[in-house]
PDB file of N, CA and C in Angstrom:
ATOM      1  N   MET A   1     226.993 -57.799 170.563  1.00  0.00           N
ATOM      2  CA  MET A   1     227.450 -56.623 170.478  1.00  0.00           C
ATOM      3  C   MET A   1     227.891 -55.922 171.932  1.00  0.00           C
ATOM      4  N   GLY A   2     226.834 -55.986 172.917  1.00  0.00           N
ATOM      5  CA  GLY A   2     227.081 -55.530 174.136  1.00  0.00           C
ATOM      6  C   GLY A   2     228.391 -56.156 174.881  1.00  0.00           C
ATOM      7  N   ASN A   3     228.588 -57.360 174.622  1.00  0.00           N
ATOM      8  CA  ASN A   3     229.745 -57.823 175.210  1.00  0.00           C
ATOM      9  C   ASN A   3     230.778 -57.340 175.047  1.00  0.00           C
ATOM     10  N   ARG A   4     231.127 -57.052 173.697  1.00  0.00           N
ATOM     11  CA  ARG A   4     232.105 -56.422 172.921  1.00  0.00           C
ATOM     12  C   ARG A   4     232.198 -54.956 173.527  1.00  0.00           C
ATOM     13  N   ILE A   5     231.340 -54.333 173.985  1.00  0.00           N
ATOM     14  CA  ILE A   5     231.445 -52.816 174.435  1.00  0.00           C
ATOM     15  C   ILE A   5     231.832 -53.230 175.476  1.00  0.00           C
ATOM     16  N   ASN A   6     231.398 -53.997 176.557  1.00  0.00           N
ATOM     17  CA  ASN A   6     231.959 -54.234 177.923  1.00  0.00           C
ATOM     18  C   ASN A   6     233.062 -54.466 178.132  1.00  0.00           C
ATOM     19  N   ALA A   7     233.489 -55.443 177.193  1.00  0.00           N
ATOM     20  CA  ALA A   7     234.872 -55.666 176.883  1.00  0.00           C
ATOM     21  C   ALA A   7     235.944 -54.667 177.061  1.00  0.00           C
ATOM     22  N   ALA A   8     235.425 -53.993 176.012  1.00  0.00           N
ATOM     23  CA  ALA A   8     236.341 -52.823 175.520  1.00  0.00           C
ATOM     24  C   ALA A   8     236.362 -51.722 176.672  1.00  0.00           C
ATOM     25  N   VAL A   9     235.381 -51.453 177.182  1.00  0.00           N
ATOM     26  CA  VAL A   9     235.189 -50.459 178.497  1.00  0.00           C
ATOM     27  C   VAL A   9     236.101 -51.064 179.349  1.00  0.00           C
ATOM     28  N   GLU A  10     235.785 -52.271 179.747  1.00  0.00           N
ATOM     29  CA  GLU A  10     236.781 -53.055 180.981  1.00  0.00           C
ATOM     30  C   GLU A  10     238.178 -53.053 180.591  1.00  0.00           C
ATOM     31  N   GLU A  11     238.635 -53.089 179.652  1.00  0.00           N
ATOM     32  CA  GLU A  11     239.952 -53.029 178.792  1.00  0.00           C
ATOM     33  C   GLU A  11     240.636 -51.771 179.500  1.00  0.00           C
ATOM     34  N   ILE A  12     240.049 -50.684 178.865  1.00  0.00           N
ATOM     35  CA  ILE A  12     240.094 -49.315 178.977  1.00  0.00           C
ATOM     36  C   ILE A  12     240.442 -48.822 180.603  1.00  0.00           C
ATOM     37  N   ILE A  13     239.645 -49.568 181.491  1.00  0.00           N
ATOM     38  CA  ILE A  13     239.710 -49.148 182.868  1.00  0.00           C
ATOM     39  C   ILE A  13     240.815 -49.927 183.338  1.00  0.00           C
ATOM     40  N   ARG A  14     240.726 -51.030 182.888  1.00  0.00           N
ATOM     41  CA  ARG A  14     241.804 -51.882 183.216  1.00  0.00           C
ATOM     42  C   ARG A  14     243.345 -51.097 183.033  1.00  0.00           C
ATOM     43  N   LYS A  15     243.784 -50.653 182.050  1.00  0.00           N
ATOM     44  CA  LYS A  15     244.673 -49.910 181.279  1.00  0.00           C
ATOM     45  C   LYS A  15     245.090 -48.868 182.300  1.00  0.00           C
ATOM     46  N   PHE A  16     243.806 -47.928 182.451  1.00  0.00           N
ATOM     47  CA  PHE A  16     243.927 -46.725 183.353  1.00  0.00           C
ATOM     48  C   PHE A  16     244.544 -46.873 184.757  1.00  0.00           C
ATOM     49  N   VAL A  17     244.089 -47.962 185.479  1.00  0.00           N
ATOM     50  CA  VAL A  17     244.491 -48.667 186.547  1.00  0.00           C
ATOM     51  C   VAL A  17     245.805 -49.223 186.883  1.00  0.00           C
ATOM     52  N   LYS A  18     246.252 -49.698 185.882  1.00  0.00           N
ATOM     53  CA  LYS A  18     247.623 -50.107 185.564  1.00  0.00           C
ATOM     54  C   LYS A  18     248.899 -49.051 185.250  1.00  0.00           C
ATOM     55  N   ASN A  19     248.207 -48.230 184.902  1.00  0.00           N
ATOM     56  CA  ASN A  19     249.033 -46.937 184.727  1.00  0.00           C
ATOM     57  C   ASN A  19     249.728 -46.308 185.914  1.00  0.00           C
ATOM     58  N   PRO A  20     251.037 -46.077 186.132  1.00  0.00           N
ATOM     59  CA  PRO A  20     251.656 -45.605 187.355  1.00  0.00           C
ATOM     60  C   PRO A  20     251.175 -44.137 187.675  1.00  0.00           C
ATOM     61  N   LYS A  21     250.901 -43.404 186.492  1.00  0.00           N
ATOM     62  CA  LYS A  21     251.048 -41.940 186.605  1.00  0.00           C
ATOM     63  C   LYS A  21     249.155 -42.066 187.197  1.00  0.00           C
ATOM     64  N   PHE A  22     248.225 -42.701 186.833  1.00  0.00           N
ATOM     65  CA  PHE A  22     247.073 -42.979 187.301  1.00  0.00           C
ATOM     66  C   PHE A  22     247.019 -42.806 188.615  1.00  0.00           C
ATOM     67  N   GLU A  23     247.804 -44.310 188.847  1.00  0.00           N
ATOM     68  CA  GLU A  23     247.872 -44.452 190.413  1.00  0.00           C
ATOM     69  C   GLU A  23     248.506 -43.466 191.391  1.00  0.00           C
ATOM     70  N   GLU A  24     249.117 -42.745 190.817  1.00  0.00           N
ATOM     71  CA  GLU A  24     249.830 -41.785 191.655  1.00  0.00           C
ATOM     72  C   GLU A  24     248.923 -40.872 191.973  1.00  0.00           C
ATOM     73  N   GLU A  25     248.377 -40.275 190.929  1.00  0.00           N
ATOM     74  CA  GLU A  25     247.284 -39.379 190.958  1.00  0.00           C
ATOM     75  C   GLU A  25     246.057 -39.869 191.927  1.00  0.00           C
ATOM     76  N   ILE A  26     245.706 -40.955 191.853  1.00  0.00           N
ATOM     77  CA  ILE A  26     244.386 -41.325 192.571  1.00  0.00           C
ATOM     78  C   ILE A  26     245.274 -41.650 194.028  1.00  0.00           C
ATOM     79  N   ARG A  27     246.289 -42.012 194.425  1.00  0.00           N
ATOM     80  CA  ARG A  27     246.626 -42.128 195.613  1.00  0.00           C
ATOM     81  C   ARG A  27     246.726 -40.777 196.478  1.00  0.00           C
ATOM     82  N   LYS A  28     247.379 -39.555 195.606  1.00  0.00           N
ATOM     83  CA  LYS A  28     246.976 -38.350 196.111  1.00  0.00           C
ATOM     84  C   LYS A  28     245.843 -37.920 196.612  1.00  0.00           C
ATOM     85  N   LEU A  29     244.772 -38.284 196.046  1.00  0.00           N
ATOM     86  CA  LEU A  29     243.504 -37.859 196.040  1.00  0.00           C
ATOM     87  C   LEU A  29     242.787 -38.888 197.392  1.00  0.00           C
ATOM     88  N   ILE A  30     243.118 -39.936 197.382  1.00  0.00           N
ATOM     89  CA  ILE A  30     242.710 -40.811 198.478  1.00  0.00           C
ATOM     90  C   ILE A  30     243.606 -41.087 199.575  1.00  0.00           C
ATOM     91  N   GLY A  31     244.724 -40.929 199.307  1.00  0.00           N
ATOM     92  CA  GLY A  31     246.181 -41.188 200.653  1.00  0.00           C
ATOM     93  C   GLY A  31     246.164 -42.391 200.720  1.00  0.00           C
ATOM     94  N   GLY A  32     246.118 -43.669 199.870  1.00  0.00           N
ATOM     95  CA  GLY A  32     246.105 -45.024 200.224  1.00  0.00           C
ATOM     96  C   GLY A  32     246.481 -45.424 198.815  1.00  0.00           C
ATOM     97  N   SER A  33     246.369 -46.885 198.759  1.00  0.00           N
ATOM     98  CA  SER A  33     247.191 -47.559 197.570  1.00  0.00           C
ATOM     99  C   SER A  33     246.034 -48.227 197.077  1.00  0.00           C
ATOM    100  N   ILE A  34     246.523 -48.517 196.007  1.00  0.00           N
ATOM    101  CA  ILE A  34     245.360 -49.201 194.861  1.00  0.00           C
ATOM    102  C   ILE A  34     245.874 -50.901 194.819  1.00  0.00           C
ATOM    103  N   ASP A  35     245.016 -51.696 195.169  1.00  0.00           N
ATOM    104  CA  ASP A  35     245.612 -53.066 195.074  1.00  0.00           C
ATOM    105  C   ASP A  35     244.318 -53.757 193.924  1.00  0.00           C
ATOM    106  N   THR A  36     244.966 -53.993 192.909  1.00  0.00           N
ATOM    107  CA  THR A  36     244.046 -54.560 191.734  1.00  0.00           C
ATOM    108  C   THR A  36     244.270 -56.118 191.454  1.00  0.00           C
ATOM    109  N   SER A  37     244.847 -56.761 192.457  1.00  0.00           N
ATOM    110  CA  SER A  37     244.942 -58.037 192.301  1.00  0.00           C
ATOM    111  C   SER A  37     243.624 -58.781 192.062  1.00  0.00           C
ATOM    112  N   GLU A  38     242.525 -58.308 193.310  1.00  0.00           N
ATOM    113  CA  GLU A  38     241.330 -59.070 192.975  1.00  0.00           C
ATOM    114  C   GLU A  38     240.430 -58.797 191.672  1.00  0.00           C
ATOM    115  N   LEU A  39     240.534 -57.291 191.366  1.00  0.00           N
ATOM    116  CA  LEU A  39     240.185 -57.099 189.827  1.00  0.00           C
ATOM    117  C   LEU A  39     240.841 -57.936 188.793  1.00  0.00           C
ATOM    118  N   ASP A  40     242.184 -58.090 188.729  1.00  0.00           N
ATOM    119  CA  ASP A  40     242.726 -59.159 188.165  1.00  0.00           C
ATOM    120  C   ASP A  40     242.094 -60.301 187.904  1.00  0.00           C
ATOM    121  N   ARG A  41     242.021 -60.893 189.268  1.00  0.00           N
ATOM    122  CA  ARG A  41     241.380 -62.294 189.228  1.00  0.00           C
ATOM    123  C   ARG A  41     240.219 -62.467 188.599  1.00  0.00           C
ATOM    124  N   GLU A  42     239.186 -61.343 188.746  1.00  0.00           N
ATOM    125  CA  GLU A  42     237.973 -61.653 188.284  1.00  0.00           C
ATOM    126  C   GLU A  42     237.637 -61.195 186.796  1.00  0.00           C
ATOM    127  N   TYR A  43     238.791 -60.412 186.266  1.00  0.00           N
ATOM    128  CA  TYR A  43     239.061 -60.237 184.840  1.00  0.00           C
ATOM    129  C   TYR A  43     239.509 -61.521 184.044  1.00  0.00           C
ATOM    130  N   ASP A  44     240.261 -62.028 184.919  1.00  0.00           N
ATOM    131  CA  ASP A  44     240.830 -63.495 184.160  1.00  0.00           C
ATOM    132  C   ASP A  44     239.672 -64.560 184.533  1.00  0.00           C
ATOM    133  N   GLY A  45     238.984 -64.628 185.267  1.00  0.00           N
ATOM    134  CA  GLY A  45     237.758 -65.563 185.327  1.00  0.00           C
ATOM    135  C   GLY A  45     236.826 -64.898 184.400  1.00  0.00           C
ATOM    136  N   LEU A  46     236.543 -63.841 184.116  1.00  0.00           N
ATOM    137  CA  LEU A  46     235.699 -63.465 182.946  1.00  0.00           C
ATOM    138  C   LEU A  46     235.754 -63.753 181.692  1.00  0.00           C
ATOM    139  N   ASN A  47     237.121 -63.568 181.654  1.00  0.00           N
ATOM    140  CA  ASN A  47     238.135 -63.603 179.990  1.00  0.00           C
ATOM    141  C   ASN A  47     237.772 -65.063 179.921  1.00  0.00           C
ATOM    142  N   PHE A  48     238.315 -65.823 180.769  1.00  0.00           N
ATOM    143  CA  PHE A  48     238.241 -67.438 180.464  1.00  0.00           C
ATOM    144  C   PHE A  48     236.643 -67.892 180.103  1.00  0.00           C
ATOM    145  N   ARG A  49     235.625 -67.503 180.828  1.00  0.00           N
ATOM    146  CA  ARG A  49     234.403 -67.891 180.719  1.00  0.00           C
ATOM    147  C   ARG A  49     233.745 -67.110 178.991  1.00  0.00           C
ATOM    148  N   TYR A  50     234.325 -66.339 178.387  1.00  0.00           N
ATOM    149  CA  TYR A  50     233.799 -65.761 177.242  1.00  0.00           C
ATOM    150  C   TYR A  50     234.726 -65.925 175.994  1.00  0.00           C
ATOM    151  N   ILE A  51     235.899 -66.812 176.587  1.00  0.00           N
ATOM    152  CA  ILE A  51     236.877 -67.025 175.504  1.00  0.00           C
ATOM    153  C   ILE A  51     236.117 -68.694 174.591  1.00  0.00           C
TER     154      ILE A  51
END
């Protein structure tokens, strides 16, 4: 059950990060860009292990 909760939380975070409006607001706060490619690779690797 814990893995399902972790996966759900991870999916919510991924959706936030991929949302252009969220990215725009974060950029305003930190003045930089967000590179999610490393997180995407990690997610894909974790997803592959649990399927």
